Amino acid sequence: MNFDIPVSISAHFESMLKRMGNNLPNHWVSNKTKFLLSYSGGKDSSILLLFLKYLKDKYKIETPHLFYLSHGIREIEKEESEMQIYLENFGFPFSFVKKKFQISL
């Protein structure tokens, strides 16, 4: 599944880039800047993920790598499974790491 970023969000991204300096994406492309996003599934990392997709689609930045770490503290396998499918849809490489802790309270 490939999806387009809504025009309203794209407009916000362009406004933000303008405030940061319009040449920033070109600088990232010419320097082959690499991006790693530690994705939690929350609002902040989700908007950053959309921003990286926008930069990849419009400015052809290097393909970002996504990373998710499951601490294994809570039982959220269903959410993690849905998140993994969601991340696969972006077509970016990602690492999905599950850590098991022996914690007793």
Protein backbone atom coordinates (compact mmCIF):
# COMPACT_ATOMS: atom_id res chain seq x y z
CA MET A 1 0.00 0.00 0.00
CA ASN A 2 1.38 3.36 -0.98
CA PHE A 3 -0.43 6.49 0.07
CA ASP A 4 -0.14 10.17 -0.63
CA ILE A 5 0.37 12.70 2.11
CA PRO A 6 -2.67 15.00 2.38
CA VAL A 7 -2.21 18.44 0.78
CA SER A 8 -2.87 20.19 4.11
CA ILE A 9 0.01 18.33 5.76
CA SER A 10 2.29 18.91 2.76
CA ALA A 11 1.58 22.65 3.06
CA HIS A 12 2.67 22.55 6.72
CA PHE A 13 5.86 20.73 5.75
CA GLU A 14 6.66 23.32 3.06
CA SER A 15 6.00 26.14 5.52
CA MET A 16 8.31 24.52 8.04
CA LEU A 17 11.04 24.01 5.41
CA LYS A 18 10.75 27.65 4.39
CA ARG A 19 11.36 28.74 7.98
CA MET A 20 14.35 26.37 8.23
CA GLY A 21 15.83 27.56 4.94
CA ASN A 22 14.67 26.38 1.55
CA ASN A 23 18.04 24.85 0.68
CA LEU A 24 18.02 22.36 3.54
CA PRO A 25 16.56 19.42 1.55
CA ASN A 26 19.04 20.09 -1.26
CA HIS A 27 21.85 20.14 1.31
CA TRP A 28 20.67 16.78 2.65
CA VAL A 29 20.56 15.33 -0.87
CA SER A 30 23.96 16.66 -1.96
CA ASN A 31 25.61 15.44 1.26
CA LYS A 32 23.77 12.11 1.11
CA THR A 33 22.58 12.67 4.67
CA LYS A 34 21.26 9.48 6.22
CA PHE A 35 18.22 9.47 8.49
CA LEU A 36 17.28 7.05 11.23
CA LEU A 37 13.89 7.40 12.88
CA SER A 38 13.23 5.66 16.15
CA TYR A 39 9.51 5.05 15.75
CA SER A 40 7.27 4.63 18.78
CA GLY A 41 3.85 4.76 17.15
CA GLY A 42 3.05 8.02 18.94
CA LYS A 43 2.06 11.36 17.41
CA ASP A 44 5.55 12.85 17.32
CA SER A 45 7.29 9.96 15.60
CA SER A 46 4.31 9.50 13.26
CA ILE A 47 4.52 13.09 11.98
CA LEU A 48 8.31 12.72 11.62
CA LEU A 49 7.71 9.56 9.60
CA LEU A 50 5.32 11.45 7.29
CA PHE A 51 7.87 14.28 7.01
CA LEU A 52 10.60 11.86 5.95
CA LYS A 53 8.24 10.28 3.41
CA TYR A 54 7.45 13.76 2.08
CA LEU A 55 11.17 14.60 1.80
CA LYS A 56 11.86 11.27 0.09
CA ASP A 57 9.02 11.71 -2.41
CA LYS A 58 9.56 15.40 -3.22
CA TYR A 59 13.28 16.01 -2.71
CA LYS A 60 14.67 12.48 -3.18
CA ILE A 61 16.56 12.36 0.14
CA GLU A 62 18.32 9.13 1.03
CA THR A 63 15.91 6.39 2.05
CA PRO A 64 15.45 6.67 5.83
CA HIS A 65 15.78 3.66 8.10
CA LEU A 66 13.11 3.09 10.74
CA PHE A 67 13.75 1.50 14.10
CA TYR A 68 11.33 0.21 16.73
CA LEU A 69 12.32 -1.28 20.07
CA SER A 70 9.80 -3.28 22.05
CA HIS A 71 10.92 -3.30 25.66
CA GLY A 72 8.84 -6.39 26.34
CA ILE A 73 7.51 -4.85 29.54
CA ARG A 74 3.88 -4.67 28.44
CA GLU A 75 1.87 -7.15 26.42
CA ILE A 76 1.05 -5.19 23.29
CA GLU A 77 1.64 -7.76 20.58
CA LYS A 78 -1.47 -6.81 18.58
CA GLU A 79 -0.44 -3.14 18.45
CA GLU A 80 3.13 -4.10 17.54
CA SER A 81 1.89 -6.37 14.76
CA GLU A 82 -0.26 -3.55 13.35
CA MET A 83 2.68 -1.14 13.66
CA GLN A 84 4.96 -3.50 11.75
CA ILE A 85 2.42 -3.75 8.90
CA TYR A 86 2.03 0.05 8.93
CA LEU A 87 5.81 0.56 8.67
CA GLU A 88 6.10 -2.00 5.86
CA ASN A 89 3.65 0.09 3.83
CA PHE A 90 6.13 2.98 3.71
CA GLY A 91 8.63 0.87 1.82
CA PHE A 92 11.48 2.05 4.04
CA PRO A 93 13.86 -0.46 5.59
CA PHE A 94 13.19 -0.99 9.26
CA SER A 95 14.42 -2.89 12.26
CA PHE A 96 11.86 -4.26 14.67
CA VAL A 97 13.62 -5.42 17.83
CA LYS A 98 11.92 -7.19 20.74
CA LYS A 99 13.78 -7.13 24.02
CA LYS A 100 12.83 -9.49 26.84
CA PHE A 101 13.40 -8.30 30.38
CA GLN A 102 13.06 -10.33 33.52
CA ILE A 103 11.28 -7.84 35.74
CA SER A 104 9.41 -8.78 38.86
CA LEU A 105 7.51 -6.38 41.04
